[in-house]
Amino acid sequence: FLVLQEDLQSVANAAPAAFTAAPGERGTIKAKANFNVSEDVAALRKAIEGIGTTEKTLIDILTHRSSSQKQAISKAYEETTNRILVNDLKGDTQGNFENLLVALARPPAVNDAKWLIKAMKGTGTDNSILIETLASRTNKQIKELSAAYAEETKKTLIQNLKTEVSGDFGKAILLLAEGTRDESTNVNADKAREDAKALYHAGEKKLGTDESKFIEILCKRSIPHLRQTILEYKNISGKTLQKSIEKEMSGNLEELLVDIVKCVMSTSAYFAEKVYKSMKGAGTDETTLTRVMVSRGEIDMLDIRAEFKKLYQNSLFKEISSDVSGNYGDCLNVICGGED
């Protein structure tokens, strides 16, 4: 118990890296120092237009340029060739490798929007993608993905979500999709204690559960405040907040609130677990693996790698190498940033 207590305290004191790090600081995908857009366009054209595709060139350029540099490349590529880079990548590669390169070439907000569109397509909704995206993104990222979503679908994300989700889960998802989480960094321990008490009385302490209290606190409060609240909750209840949620809730709402708690504690540990689960057991969930590696490559892949090693006693690089192969595996290993 003491160890856990210290662990929680260190979590409460740590800066939530993924929520504060500027792109490029903790990522493996960084801006190229002597960036020359026309050189890159020429190299990509040669790789795509020649007989056979030079996959190594495609991997090299798309994993060693920042997002804004890649947008400059896409723009120049279109001006030079009258063709769209993403379409050429689709026409020239296939399968998981194609999906990976296309995602690397697109702006992060467009990727998020496309993944959400896919999650809501057809009958039924892939709630786990909605949960992962909306639980882990900052307000700014949610605003940007909402704009990209509206551009793609001509409808707002909120409008479409309203037709897909309902009940308490729907309320929580819609709150997150507004991208209005409190962003203040000042933590008032008394207020955190009040929230911890409110959560305790809304769940553990009463018969039945007041879900709305959990939703309000976990979907609106700032990340530093929630870290302190999680700490206070353990003091009051003797249980972790995650354990209480798992006991009190079920289904999609439970998954969402647990994922918010995990992201508050450590976004990089949350994604390390996602990556691990995508490769665990028979078969690989390449869709999840691609989504996580691309969406975090520029943000906190170095931290994800460190957490992965801590949690699973194996390097992410080795895990990827033993699980996937070919150009797809090679490209993922470059995003991983090599052996650690």
Protein backbone atom coordinates (compact mmCIF):
# COMPACT_ATOMS: atom_id res chain seq x y z
CA PHE A 1 0.00 0.00 0.00
CA LEU A 2 2.81 2.39 0.87
CA VAL A 3 4.51 1.79 -2.46
CA LEU A 4 1.25 2.47 -4.29
CA GLN A 5 0.75 5.60 -2.24
CA GLU A 6 4.21 6.89 -3.19
CA ASP A 7 3.55 5.87 -6.75
CA LEU A 8 0.32 7.85 -6.81
CA GLN A 9 2.02 10.81 -5.18
CA SER A 10 4.76 10.83 -7.81
CA VAL A 11 2.05 10.68 -10.48
CA ALA A 12 0.25 13.64 -8.93
CA ASN A 13 3.49 15.62 -8.89
CA ALA A 14 4.67 14.73 -12.38
CA ALA A 15 3.86 16.92 -15.33
CA PRO A 16 1.48 15.06 -17.63
CA ALA A 17 3.97 14.96 -20.50
CA ALA A 18 1.67 14.11 -23.38
CA PHE A 19 -0.76 16.87 -22.42
CA THR A 20 1.96 19.51 -22.21
CA ALA A 21 4.77 18.40 -24.53
CA ALA A 22 5.03 20.32 -27.76
CA PRO A 23 5.18 18.07 -30.84
CA GLY A 24 8.75 17.01 -31.46
CA GLU A 25 9.90 17.15 -27.86
CA ARG A 26 9.16 13.55 -26.82
CA GLY A 27 8.43 12.09 -30.23
CA THR A 28 10.59 9.98 -32.50
CA ILE A 29 9.28 11.68 -35.64
CA LYS A 30 10.99 15.06 -35.73
CA ALA A 31 11.44 17.94 -38.13
CA LYS A 32 14.34 17.53 -40.55
CA ALA A 33 17.02 20.15 -39.98
CA ASN A 34 18.00 21.05 -43.55
CA PHE A 35 14.58 20.52 -45.01
CA ASN A 36 14.36 20.96 -48.77
CA VAL A 37 10.84 20.54 -50.07
CA SER A 38 11.69 20.27 -53.77
CA GLU A 39 14.36 17.64 -53.11
CA ASP A 40 11.82 15.57 -51.19
CA VAL A 41 9.20 15.93 -53.92
CA ALA A 42 11.72 14.83 -56.55
CA ALA A 43 12.75 11.81 -54.43
CA LEU A 44 9.11 10.80 -53.85
CA ARG A 45 8.29 11.13 -57.56
CA LYS A 46 11.24 8.96 -58.46
CA ALA A 47 10.23 6.38 -55.86
CA ILE A 48 6.62 6.29 -57.04
CA GLU A 49 6.90 6.83 -60.80
CA GLY A 50 9.81 4.49 -61.52
CA ILE A 51 9.34 0.83 -62.37
CA GLY A 52 8.46 -0.75 -59.04
CA THR A 53 8.29 1.38 -55.95
CA THR A 54 11.29 2.31 -53.86
CA GLU A 55 9.69 1.65 -50.49
CA LYS A 56 12.80 2.62 -48.57
CA THR A 57 12.58 6.21 -49.89
CA LEU A 58 8.89 6.47 -48.97
CA ILE A 59 9.58 5.21 -45.44
CA ASP A 60 12.61 7.43 -45.02
CA ILE A 61 10.88 10.66 -46.01
CA LEU A 62 7.54 10.04 -44.27
CA THR A 63 9.12 9.04 -40.95
CA HIS A 64 11.80 11.73 -40.83
CA ARG A 65 9.75 14.89 -41.44
CA SER A 66 7.47 16.74 -39.05
CA SER A 67 3.80 16.99 -39.79
CA SER A 68 4.05 20.56 -41.08
CA GLN A 69 6.98 19.60 -43.32
CA LYS A 70 4.93 16.75 -44.77
CA GLN A 71 2.06 19.13 -45.49
CA ALA A 72 4.50 21.38 -47.37
CA ILE A 73 5.66 18.31 -49.33
CA SER A 74 2.07 17.30 -50.16
CA LYS A 75 1.27 20.81 -51.38
CA ALA A 76 4.40 21.05 -53.55
CA TYR A 77 3.85 17.50 -54.85
CA GLU A 78 0.38 18.45 -56.06
CA GLU A 79 1.61 21.69 -57.64
CA THR A 80 4.37 19.83 -59.47
CA THR A 81 2.46 16.74 -60.61
CA ASN A 82 -1.23 17.74 -60.52
CA ARG A 83 -1.69 14.60 -58.47
CA ILE A 84 -2.40 14.08 -54.79
CA LEU A 85 0.40 12.42 -52.81
CA VAL A 86 -1.94 10.37 -50.61
CA ASN A 87 -3.69 8.98 -53.71
CA ASP A 88 -0.37 8.07 -55.32
CA LEU A 89 0.72 6.29 -52.14
CA LYS A 90 -2.58 4.37 -52.19
CA GLY A 91 -2.10 3.40 -55.81
CA ASP A 92 1.48 2.34 -55.35
CA THR A 93 1.42 0.34 -52.11
CA GLN A 94 -1.06 -2.01 -50.49
CA GLY A 95 -2.44 -3.46 -47.29
CA ASN A 96 -1.16 -2.41 -43.89
CA PHE A 97 1.90 -0.74 -45.38
CA GLU A 98 -0.35 1.45 -47.54
CA ASN A 99 -2.53 2.41 -44.55
CA LEU A 100 0.57 3.29 -42.54
CA LEU A 101 2.16 5.50 -45.23
CA VAL A 102 -1.13 7.26 -45.98
CA ALA A 103 -1.63 8.03 -42.27
CA LEU A 104 1.95 9.32 -42.01
CA ALA A 105 1.35 11.65 -44.96
CA ARG A 106 -1.90 13.13 -43.65
CA PRO A 107 -2.22 15.86 -40.98
CA PRO A 108 -2.91 14.43 -37.48
CA ALA A 109 -6.33 16.10 -37.27
CA VAL A 110 -7.37 14.55 -40.60
CA ASN A 111 -6.26 11.13 -39.36
CA ASP A 112 -8.30 11.52 -36.18
CA ALA A 113 -11.33 12.65 -38.19
CA LYS A 114 -11.00 9.75 -40.67
CA TRP A 115 -10.65 7.21 -37.85
CA LEU A 116 -13.79 8.57 -36.18
CA ILE A 117 -15.72 8.57 -39.47
CA LYS A 118 -14.75 4.93 -39.98
CA ALA A 119 -15.72 4.10 -36.39
CA MET A 120 -19.23 5.47 -36.99
CA LYS A 121 -19.72 4.07 -40.50
CA GLY A 122 -22.40 1.49 -41.25
CA THR A 123 -24.43 -0.28 -38.62
CA GLY A 124 -23.12 -0.16 -35.10
CA THR A 125 -20.32 2.03 -33.82
CA ASP A 126 -16.77 1.08 -32.92
CA ASN A 127 -16.92 2.72 -29.52
CA SER A 128 -13.36 1.80 -28.56
CA ILE A 129 -11.99 4.17 -31.24
CA LEU A 130 -14.28 6.99 -30.04
CA ILE A 131 -13.12 6.31 -26.49
CA GLU A 132 -9.40 6.15 -27.28
CA THR A 133 -9.47 9.35 -29.36
CA LEU A 134 -11.64 11.52 -27.14
CA ALA A 135 -10.12 10.33 -23.85
CA SER A 136 -6.53 11.02 -24.90
CA ARG A 137 -6.60 14.22 -26.98
CA THR A 138 -6.13 17.78 -25.73
CA ASN A 139 -8.77 20.48 -26.29
CA LYS A 140 -6.70 21.85 -29.16
CA GLN A 141 -6.47 18.43 -30.83
CA ILE A 142 -10.23 17.89 -30.40
CA LYS A 143 -10.99 21.31 -31.91
CA GLU A 144 -8.70 20.55 -34.87
CA LEU A 145 -10.12 17.10 -35.46
CA SER A 146 -13.66 18.53 -35.26
CA ALA A 147 -12.80 21.06 -37.97
CA ALA A 148 -11.29 18.31 -40.15
CA TYR A 149 -14.35 16.15 -39.48
CA ALA A 150 -16.74 18.89 -40.58
CA GLU A 151 -14.72 19.45 -43.73
CA GLU A 152 -14.79 15.74 -44.59
CA THR A 153 -18.44 15.04 -43.79
CA LYS A 154 -20.15 18.46 -44.08
CA LYS A 155 -21.66 17.73 -40.66
CA THR A 156 -20.35 18.51 -37.21
CA LEU A 157 -18.83 15.78 -35.08
CA ILE A 158 -21.34 16.55 -32.31
CA GLN A 159 -24.29 16.19 -34.76
CA ASN A 160 -23.11 12.80 -35.92
CA LEU A 161 -22.21 11.57 -32.45
CA LYS A 162 -25.74 12.37 -31.25
CA THR A 163 -27.11 9.80 -33.70
CA GLU A 164 -24.54 7.18 -32.66
CA VAL A 165 -24.27 7.31 -28.87
CA SER A 166 -26.86 7.50 -26.13
CA GLY A 167 -27.42 7.26 -22.39
CA ASP A 168 -24.73 8.14 -19.88
CA PHE A 169 -22.00 6.98 -22.26
CA GLY A 170 -23.39 9.36 -24.89
CA LYS A 171 -23.43 12.26 -22.43
CA ALA A 172 -19.79 11.67 -21.51
CA ILE A 173 -18.64 11.30 -25.13
CA LEU A 174 -20.45 14.48 -26.16
CA LEU A 175 -18.90 16.41 -23.28
CA LEU A 176 -15.41 15.30 -24.35
CA ALA A 177 -16.14 16.06 -28.02
CA GLU A 178 -16.79 19.71 -27.12
CA GLY A 179 -13.09 20.03 -26.28
CA THR A 180 -13.74 22.32 -23.34
CA ARG A 181 -11.92 20.50 -20.52
CA ASP A 182 -10.55 22.94 -17.93
CA GLU A 183 -6.91 23.62 -18.75
CA SER A 184 -5.71 25.48 -15.69
CA THR A 185 -2.52 24.09 -14.18
CA ASN A 186 -3.09 25.33 -10.63
CA VAL A 187 -4.19 22.56 -8.32
CA ASN A 188 -6.27 23.33 -5.28
CA ALA A 189 -5.91 20.34 -2.94
CA ASP A 190 -9.13 21.20 -1.08
CA LYS A 191 -11.17 21.25 -4.29
CA ALA A 192 -9.56 17.97 -5.36
CA ARG A 193 -10.50 16.48 -2.00
CA GLU A 194 -14.08 17.73 -2.44
CA ASP A 195 -14.27 16.07 -5.85
CA ALA A 196 -12.80 12.86 -4.45
CA LYS A 197 -15.45 12.87 -1.71
CA ALA A 198 -18.18 13.57 -4.26
CA LEU A 199 -17.01 10.59 -6.34
CA TYR A 200 -16.87 8.39 -3.26
CA HIS A 201 -20.41 9.36 -2.25
CA ALA A 202 -21.66 8.92 -5.83
CA GLY A 203 -20.29 5.39 -6.08
CA GLU A 204 -18.70 3.28 -3.35
CA LYS A 205 -20.64 4.94 -0.53
CA LYS A 206 -24.16 4.66 -1.93
CA LEU A 207 -26.50 2.01 -3.14
CA GLY A 208 -26.56 2.32 -6.90
CA THR A 209 -24.31 4.80 -8.68
CA ASP A 210 -24.71 8.46 -9.58
CA GLU A 211 -23.06 8.25 -13.01
CA SER A 212 -23.61 11.93 -13.77
CA LYS A 213 -21.22 12.96 -10.98
CA PHE A 214 -18.45 10.76 -12.40
CA ILE A 215 -19.07 12.12 -15.89
CA GLU A 216 -19.06 15.75 -14.77
CA ILE A 217 -15.81 15.47 -12.81
CA LEU A 218 -13.85 13.17 -15.14
CA CYS A 219 -14.86 14.87 -18.39
CA LYS A 220 -14.56 18.52 -17.30
CA ARG A 221 -11.81 18.97 -14.71
CA SER A 222 -8.20 19.74 -15.62
CA ILE A 223 -5.66 16.92 -15.88
CA PRO A 224 -3.48 18.17 -12.95
CA HIS A 225 -6.62 18.56 -10.80
CA LEU A 226 -7.74 15.03 -11.64
CA ARG A 227 -4.33 13.63 -10.72
CA GLN A 228 -4.69 15.15 -7.28
CA THR A 229 -8.31 13.93 -7.07
CA ILE A 230 -7.19 10.36 -7.83
CA LEU A 231 -4.67 10.63 -5.00
CA GLU A 232 -7.25 12.03 -2.56
CA TYR A 233 -9.73 9.35 -3.59
CA LYS A 234 -7.32 6.61 -2.57
CA ASN A 235 -6.92 8.27 0.84
CA ILE A 236 -10.68 8.46 1.38
CA SER A 237 -11.75 5.14 -0.08
CA GLY A 238 -8.72 2.90 0.39
CA LYS A 239 -9.32 1.83 -3.22
CA THR A 240 -8.06 3.29 -6.46
CA LEU A 241 -10.58 5.28 -8.49
CA GLN A 242 -10.08 2.88 -11.39
CA LYS A 243 -11.05 -0.10 -9.21
CA SER A 244 -14.15 1.73 -7.98
CA ILE A 245 -15.24 2.59 -11.53
CA GLU A 246 -14.74 -1.04 -12.60
CA LYS A 247 -16.90 -2.17 -9.68
CA GLU A 248 -19.63 0.44 -10.09
CA MET A 249 -20.00 0.72 -13.88
CA SER A 250 -20.22 -1.55 -16.87
CA GLY A 251 -20.05 -1.48 -20.65
CA ASN A 252 -18.93 1.52 -22.70
CA LEU A 253 -19.24 4.03 -19.85
CA GLU A 254 -16.92 1.95 -17.68
CA GLU A 255 -14.40 1.64 -20.53
CA LEU A 256 -14.49 5.39 -21.20
CA LEU A 257 -14.10 6.49 -17.57
CA VAL A 258 -11.33 3.94 -16.91
CA ASP A 259 -9.51 5.15 -20.04
CA ILE A 260 -9.80 8.78 -18.88
CA VAL A 261 -8.29 7.78 -15.51
CA LYS A 262 -5.47 5.90 -17.27
CA CYS A 263 -4.75 8.89 -19.54
CA VAL A 264 -4.76 11.24 -16.55
CA MET A 265 -2.24 9.01 -14.75
CA SER A 266 -0.02 8.52 -17.81
CA THR A 267 -1.01 8.88 -21.44
CA SER A 268 2.18 7.11 -22.49
CA ALA A 269 1.47 4.08 -20.26
CA TYR A 270 -2.09 4.04 -21.67
CA PHE A 271 -0.78 3.85 -25.23
CA ALA A 272 1.96 1.36 -24.31
CA GLU A 273 -0.83 -0.95 -23.10
CA LYS A 274 -2.82 -0.34 -26.32
CA VAL A 275 0.18 -1.27 -28.46
CA TYR A 276 0.91 -4.34 -26.36
CA LYS A 277 -2.69 -5.59 -26.61
CA SER A 278 -2.70 -5.05 -30.38
CA MET A 279 0.19 -7.53 -30.70
CA LYS A 280 -0.68 -9.94 -27.89
CA GLY A 281 -1.99 -13.43 -28.63
CA ALA A 282 -2.72 -14.89 -32.04
CA GLY A 283 -2.87 -12.43 -34.89
CA THR A 284 -2.11 -8.73 -34.80
CA ASP A 285 -4.60 -5.88 -34.68
CA GLU A 286 -2.78 -3.81 -37.31
CA THR A 287 -5.47 -1.11 -37.37
CA THR A 288 -4.86 -0.22 -33.71
CA LEU A 289 -1.10 -0.66 -34.03
CA THR A 290 -0.97 1.73 -37.01
CA ARG A 291 -3.27 4.26 -35.36
CA VAL A 292 -1.28 4.45 -32.13
CA MET A 293 2.17 4.49 -33.74
CA VAL A 294 1.21 7.25 -36.17
CA SER A 295 -0.84 9.39 -33.78
CA ARG A 296 1.85 9.31 -31.06
CA GLY A 297 4.97 9.20 -33.23
CA GLU A 298 5.49 12.94 -33.13
CA ILE A 299 4.15 13.48 -29.61
CA ASP A 300 5.40 11.00 -26.99
CA MET A 301 6.76 7.83 -28.61
CA LEU A 302 9.93 8.04 -26.49
CA ASP A 303 7.79 7.91 -23.34
CA ILE A 304 5.60 5.12 -24.73
CA ARG A 305 8.73 3.09 -25.44
CA ALA A 306 10.01 3.60 -21.89
CA GLU A 307 6.62 2.69 -20.37
CA PHE A 308 6.38 -0.36 -22.62
CA LYS A 309 9.72 -1.65 -21.37
CA LYS A 310 8.74 -0.97 -17.76
CA LEU A 311 5.38 -2.72 -18.08
CA TYR A 312 6.30 -5.70 -20.26
CA GLN A 313 10.05 -6.22 -19.69
CA ASN A 314 10.66 -6.16 -23.42
CA SER A 315 11.57 -3.39 -25.82
CA LEU A 316 8.83 -2.13 -28.13
CA PHE A 317 11.26 -2.49 -31.03
CA LYS A 318 11.79 -6.21 -30.30
CA GLU A 319 8.07 -6.77 -29.83
CA ILE A 320 7.29 -5.15 -33.20
CA SER A 321 10.15 -7.02 -34.91
CA SER A 322 8.86 -10.38 -33.70
CA ASP A 323 5.24 -9.56 -34.52
CA VAL A 324 5.18 -7.86 -37.93
CA SER A 325 7.48 -8.04 -40.92
CA GLY A 326 8.10 -6.67 -44.40
CA ASN A 327 7.87 -2.99 -45.29
CA TYR A 328 5.10 -2.52 -42.74
CA GLY A 329 7.31 -3.82 -39.92
CA ASP A 330 10.32 -1.85 -41.14
CA CYS A 331 8.33 1.38 -41.18
CA LEU A 332 6.90 0.77 -37.68
CA ASN A 333 10.38 0.10 -36.35
CA VAL A 334 11.59 3.42 -37.71
CA ILE A 335 8.67 5.18 -35.96
CA CYS A 336 9.57 3.27 -32.81
CA GLY A 337 12.98 4.92 -33.08
CA GLY A 338 15.12 1.79 -32.98
CA GLU A 339 16.31 -0.23 -30.02
CA ASP A 340 16.27 1.41 -26.60
